[in-house]
Amino acid sequence: MDGVREHWKGGSRTWHRLILLGVAAIFFPFVATLATELTIAWILVFSGIGQGLHAFRLRHRVGFWPSLLSGLLTLAVGQLLILFPMSGIPSITFLIAILFLANGAFRIAQALRLRPLEHWGLPLAGGVLSMLLGLLVIAQWPAAAIWLLGLLVGIDLMFSGWMLLWLSLTDGLPHRLWPMRCTERLA
């Protein structure tokens, strides 16, 4: 449980940044959408370069060509997203919807694991919110992709910041709120 305690203490230094970024994304959804798309594009570019460099280490082994082609394809997709960001926004918006759905399911699973403890409802609410956001994106896709992605990322960032704020105020663990030890309740 010390690892959990350290995790939540780290959140006490992060919550205000997440809330501010979330508010900015809500007020400027197109900018947030474009920033999200370009961030993903650059990640793909660097990933493709890394895969290509790794492939050259394998140049005399089995797996060289698939590794090289995978790296080149990743690099090309990243470059296309950088060169034509407006074309990539609908695709990335759909992928973000899937991400919201998956993250929501993970948060709900985490909340159910914490269920013996009080205040387990906040992670549950976060998971339900993420899943609702994912369903909203899919329902509005592709017509609202230009602004919807930035708005939803902003809402998700704000809620994550609020959750970290609450957990940092309560020290993230039940040892200050509940008389029974964590290990006894989670066992």
Protein backbone atom coordinates (compact mmCIF):
# COMPACT_ATOMS: atom_id res chain seq x y z
CA MET A 1 0.00 0.00 0.00
CA ASP A 2 3.02 2.32 0.29
CA GLY A 3 3.14 2.38 -3.52
CA VAL A 4 -0.47 3.56 -3.61
CA ARG A 5 0.30 6.25 -1.03
CA GLU A 6 3.25 7.55 -3.09
CA HIS A 7 1.11 7.50 -6.25
CA TRP A 8 -1.55 9.73 -4.68
CA LYS A 9 1.02 12.05 -3.12
CA GLY A 10 2.42 12.61 -6.62
CA GLY A 11 -1.08 13.54 -7.70
CA SER A 12 -1.07 16.42 -5.24
CA ARG A 13 1.50 18.10 -7.47
CA THR A 14 -0.43 17.43 -10.68
CA TRP A 15 -4.11 18.20 -10.06
CA HIS A 16 -3.90 21.94 -10.63
CA ARG A 17 -2.17 21.49 -14.01
CA LEU A 18 -4.82 19.03 -15.17
CA ILE A 19 -7.66 21.33 -14.15
CA LEU A 20 -6.08 24.36 -15.87
CA LEU A 21 -5.41 22.39 -19.05
CA GLY A 22 -8.97 21.09 -18.96
CA VAL A 23 -10.43 24.59 -18.62
CA ALA A 24 -8.24 25.85 -21.48
CA ALA A 25 -9.31 22.93 -23.68
CA ILE A 26 -12.99 23.61 -22.94
CA PHE A 27 -12.69 27.29 -23.82
CA PHE A 28 -10.61 26.61 -26.96
CA PRO A 29 -11.83 23.21 -28.21
CA PHE A 30 -10.52 23.54 -31.78
CA VAL A 31 -7.04 24.40 -30.51
CA ALA A 32 -7.18 21.45 -28.11
CA THR A 33 -8.35 19.15 -30.90
CA LEU A 34 -5.54 20.29 -33.19
CA ALA A 35 -2.98 20.03 -30.37
CA THR A 36 -4.13 16.48 -29.58
CA GLU A 37 -3.90 15.47 -33.24
CA LEU A 38 -0.44 17.00 -33.68
CA THR A 39 0.84 15.45 -30.45
CA ILE A 40 -0.25 12.02 -31.66
CA ALA A 41 1.35 12.74 -35.04
CA TRP A 42 4.71 13.61 -33.51
CA ILE A 43 4.58 10.55 -31.26
CA LEU A 44 4.08 8.43 -34.38
CA VAL A 45 6.99 10.17 -36.15
CA PHE A 46 9.40 9.52 -33.27
CA SER A 47 8.08 6.00 -32.83
CA GLY A 48 8.62 5.29 -36.53
CA ILE A 49 12.16 6.62 -36.34
CA GLY A 50 12.84 4.45 -33.29
CA GLN A 51 11.41 1.37 -34.98
CA GLY A 52 13.50 2.04 -38.09
CA LEU A 53 16.69 2.42 -36.06
CA HIS A 54 15.91 -0.77 -34.19
CA ALA A 55 15.32 -2.56 -37.50
CA PHE A 56 18.81 -1.66 -38.66
CA ARG A 57 20.19 -3.41 -35.59
CA LEU A 58 18.43 -6.53 -36.92
CA ARG A 59 19.56 -6.10 -40.53
CA HIS A 60 21.36 -9.46 -40.60
CA ARG A 61 18.64 -11.32 -38.71
CA VAL A 62 15.18 -12.64 -39.34
CA GLY A 63 12.64 -9.89 -38.79
CA PHE A 64 14.58 -7.05 -40.40
CA TRP A 65 12.10 -6.34 -43.21
CA PRO A 66 8.91 -6.48 -41.13
CA SER A 67 10.52 -4.25 -38.48
CA LEU A 68 11.77 -1.77 -41.07
CA LEU A 69 8.46 -1.65 -42.94
CA SER A 70 6.52 -1.20 -39.69
CA GLY A 71 8.78 1.69 -38.71
CA LEU A 72 8.49 3.32 -42.13
CA LEU A 73 4.70 2.96 -42.10
CA THR A 74 4.46 4.48 -38.61
CA LEU A 75 6.73 7.34 -39.68
CA ALA A 76 4.67 7.93 -42.85
CA VAL A 77 1.36 8.01 -40.94
CA GLY A 78 2.83 10.49 -38.47
CA GLN A 79 4.11 12.70 -41.28
CA LEU A 80 0.73 12.60 -43.04
CA LEU A 81 -1.00 13.65 -39.84
CA ILE A 82 1.43 16.56 -39.50
CA LEU A 83 1.03 17.64 -43.14
CA PHE A 84 -2.77 17.18 -43.24
CA PRO A 85 -4.03 17.61 -39.68
CA MET A 86 -7.62 18.36 -40.67
CA SER A 87 -7.88 15.00 -42.43
CA GLY A 88 -6.53 13.14 -39.42
CA ILE A 89 -8.84 14.73 -36.86
CA PRO A 90 -11.91 12.53 -37.60
CA SER A 91 -9.86 9.33 -37.41
CA ILE A 92 -8.14 10.33 -34.20
CA THR A 93 -11.46 11.48 -32.76
CA PHE A 94 -12.86 8.00 -33.29
CA LEU A 95 -9.78 6.41 -31.70
CA ILE A 96 -10.10 8.77 -28.74
CA ALA A 97 -13.71 7.60 -28.34
CA ILE A 98 -12.43 4.04 -28.05
CA LEU A 99 -9.80 5.26 -25.56
CA PHE A 100 -12.48 6.96 -23.44
CA LEU A 101 -14.53 3.75 -23.42
CA ALA A 102 -11.52 1.62 -22.43
CA ASN A 103 -10.34 4.07 -19.75
CA GLY A 104 -13.86 4.25 -18.39
CA ALA A 105 -13.99 0.48 -18.08
CA PHE A 106 -10.62 0.44 -16.31
CA ARG A 107 -11.71 3.18 -13.88
CA ILE A 108 -14.94 1.33 -13.12
CA ALA A 109 -12.95 -1.87 -12.49
CA GLN A 110 -10.62 0.07 -10.17
CA ALA A 111 -13.60 1.53 -8.31
CA LEU A 112 -15.16 -1.89 -7.86
CA ARG A 113 -11.89 -3.16 -6.44
CA LEU A 114 -11.89 -0.25 -3.96
CA ARG A 115 -15.57 -0.84 -3.15
CA PRO A 116 -15.05 -2.08 0.40
CA LEU A 117 -13.64 1.37 1.17
CA GLU A 118 -15.67 4.51 1.59
CA HIS A 119 -15.60 7.11 -1.18
CA TRP A 120 -15.08 4.49 -3.87
CA GLY A 121 -17.76 6.29 -5.84
CA LEU A 122 -15.45 9.01 -7.17
CA PRO A 123 -13.39 6.65 -9.36
CA LEU A 124 -16.68 4.97 -10.34
CA ALA A 125 -18.14 8.33 -11.38
CA GLY A 126 -14.96 9.07 -13.35
CA GLY A 127 -15.26 5.78 -15.17
CA VAL A 128 -18.91 6.30 -15.98
CA LEU A 129 -18.13 9.84 -17.19
CA SER A 130 -15.33 8.58 -19.45
CA MET A 131 -17.62 5.93 -20.93
CA LEU A 132 -20.38 8.49 -21.51
CA LEU A 133 -17.88 10.80 -23.22
CA GLY A 134 -16.78 7.94 -25.47
CA LEU A 135 -20.38 7.20 -26.42
CA LEU A 136 -21.01 10.91 -27.06
CA VAL A 137 -18.05 11.07 -29.43
CA ILE A 138 -19.25 8.03 -31.36
CA ALA A 139 -22.79 9.47 -31.58
CA GLN A 140 -21.51 12.82 -32.94
CA TRP A 141 -18.78 11.42 -35.18
CA PRO A 142 -17.61 12.67 -37.73
CA ALA A 143 -19.70 15.87 -37.92
CA ALA A 144 -18.47 17.39 -34.67
CA ALA A 145 -14.91 16.01 -34.76
CA ILE A 146 -13.39 19.48 -35.18
CA TRP A 147 -14.48 20.73 -31.76
CA LEU A 148 -15.74 17.69 -29.90
CA LEU A 149 -12.37 16.03 -29.31
CA GLY A 150 -10.89 19.12 -27.65
CA LEU A 151 -13.96 19.66 -25.51
CA LEU A 152 -14.04 16.05 -24.32
CA VAL A 153 -10.32 15.95 -23.64
CA GLY A 154 -10.80 19.12 -21.57
CA ILE A 155 -13.65 17.59 -19.56
CA ASP A 156 -11.64 14.41 -18.96
CA LEU A 157 -8.56 16.41 -17.89
CA MET A 158 -10.63 18.51 -15.48
CA PHE A 159 -12.30 15.46 -13.92
CA SER A 160 -8.93 13.72 -13.55
CA GLY A 161 -7.56 16.85 -11.86
CA TRP A 162 -10.52 17.02 -9.49
CA MET A 163 -10.11 13.35 -8.62
CA LEU A 164 -6.40 13.85 -7.87
CA LEU A 165 -7.22 16.95 -5.80
CA TRP A 166 -9.74 15.03 -3.72
CA LEU A 167 -7.41 12.09 -3.27
CA SER A 168 -4.50 14.34 -2.32
CA LEU A 169 -6.66 16.14 0.26
CA THR A 170 -7.63 12.82 1.82
CA ASP A 171 -4.08 11.52 1.32
CA GLY A 172 -5.56 9.01 -1.11
CA LEU A 173 -5.86 6.27 1.45
CA PRO A 174 -8.39 5.25 4.02
CA HIS A 175 -5.93 5.25 6.92
CA ARG A 176 -7.08 8.77 7.86
CA LEU A 177 -10.77 8.15 7.16
CA TRP A 178 -11.43 4.58 8.28
CA PRO A 179 -10.40 2.81 11.47
CA MET A 180 -9.75 -0.57 9.81
CA ARG A 181 -6.41 -1.13 8.05
CA CYS A 182 -6.39 -1.09 4.23
CA THR A 183 -4.93 -4.54 3.93
CA GLU A 184 -7.72 -5.99 6.06
CA ARG A 185 -10.41 -4.37 3.92
CA LEU A 186 -8.89 -5.17 0.51
CA ALA A 187 -8.07 -8.76 1.38
